[in-house]
Amino acid sequence: MFDASPPHGPTRAPEPTPERPAGERDSFFDNAEYLAVVLAAMGHSWEALYPDSRILRALCSAARWS
């Protein structure tokens, strides 16, 4: 009547297709990383503008010694 045996020969699972090529970068994460670096640099540079900054005190005391 009906033959329920699997087909002859090796069977393979279909290979998954990637959504994008392996060498392509995601621009969202590149932009997020750039924004993080810019914000960190701005935060470090603004530290010298505070009146009680250790960096500003060090620069002022070094200027007095020279």
Protein backbone atom coordinates (compact mmCIF):
# COMPACT_ATOMS: atom_id res chain seq x y z
CA MET A 1 0.00 0.00 0.00
CA PHE A 2 1.97 2.95 1.32
CA ASP A 3 5.75 2.97 1.87
CA ALA A 4 6.59 5.17 4.91
CA SER A 5 10.35 4.57 4.82
CA PRO A 6 12.64 7.59 4.39
CA PRO A 7 14.09 8.30 0.95
CA HIS A 8 17.26 6.53 0.01
CA GLY A 9 20.62 8.28 0.36
CA PRO A 10 21.85 10.90 2.83
CA THR A 11 19.50 13.71 3.64
CA ARG A 12 20.67 17.19 4.55
CA ALA A 13 19.02 19.95 6.45
CA PRO A 14 18.74 23.14 4.40
CA GLU A 15 21.51 25.60 5.11
CA PRO A 16 20.36 28.80 6.76
CA THR A 17 20.82 31.91 4.68
CA PRO A 18 22.45 34.84 6.47
CA GLU A 19 20.50 38.08 6.73
CA ARG A 20 23.50 40.09 5.54
CA PRO A 21 27.01 39.22 4.36
CA ALA A 22 29.55 38.36 7.03
CA GLY A 23 31.81 41.34 6.28
CA GLU A 24 29.05 43.97 6.46
CA ARG A 25 28.89 46.00 9.68
CA ASP A 26 25.78 47.22 11.42
CA SER A 27 25.77 51.02 11.20
CA PHE A 28 23.56 51.34 14.31
CA PHE A 29 26.26 49.91 16.57
CA ASP A 30 29.00 51.89 14.82
CA ASN A 31 27.07 55.10 15.47
CA ALA A 32 26.34 54.12 19.07
CA GLU A 33 30.03 53.42 19.71
CA TYR A 34 31.01 56.76 18.15
CA LEU A 35 28.47 58.59 20.32
CA ALA A 36 29.78 56.87 23.46
CA VAL A 37 33.36 57.87 22.63
CA VAL A 38 32.34 61.49 21.93
CA LEU A 39 30.36 61.74 25.17
CA ALA A 40 33.24 60.27 27.19
CA ALA A 41 35.72 62.70 25.63
CA MET A 42 33.42 65.66 26.31
CA GLY A 43 32.94 64.58 29.92
CA HIS A 44 36.67 64.30 30.48
CA SER A 45 37.37 67.66 28.86
CA TRP A 46 34.67 69.45 30.90
CA GLU A 47 36.21 68.20 34.13
CA ALA A 48 38.88 70.91 33.89
CA LEU A 49 36.18 73.61 33.87
CA TYR A 50 34.96 72.85 37.39
CA PRO A 51 36.35 75.22 40.04
CA ASP A 52 37.28 72.39 42.41
CA SER A 53 38.97 70.29 39.72
CA ARG A 54 42.17 68.48 40.70
CA ILE A 55 43.51 68.95 37.18
CA LEU A 56 42.94 72.70 37.29
CA ARG A 57 44.59 72.95 40.73
CA ALA A 58 47.58 70.95 39.48
CA LEU A 59 47.96 73.18 36.42
CA CYS A 60 47.72 76.35 38.52
CA SER A 61 50.25 75.14 41.06
CA ALA A 62 52.60 74.03 38.28
CA ALA A 63 52.29 77.47 36.68
CA ARG A 64 53.21 79.15 39.98
CA TRP A 65 56.34 77.03 40.34
CA SER A 66 57.70 77.93 36.91
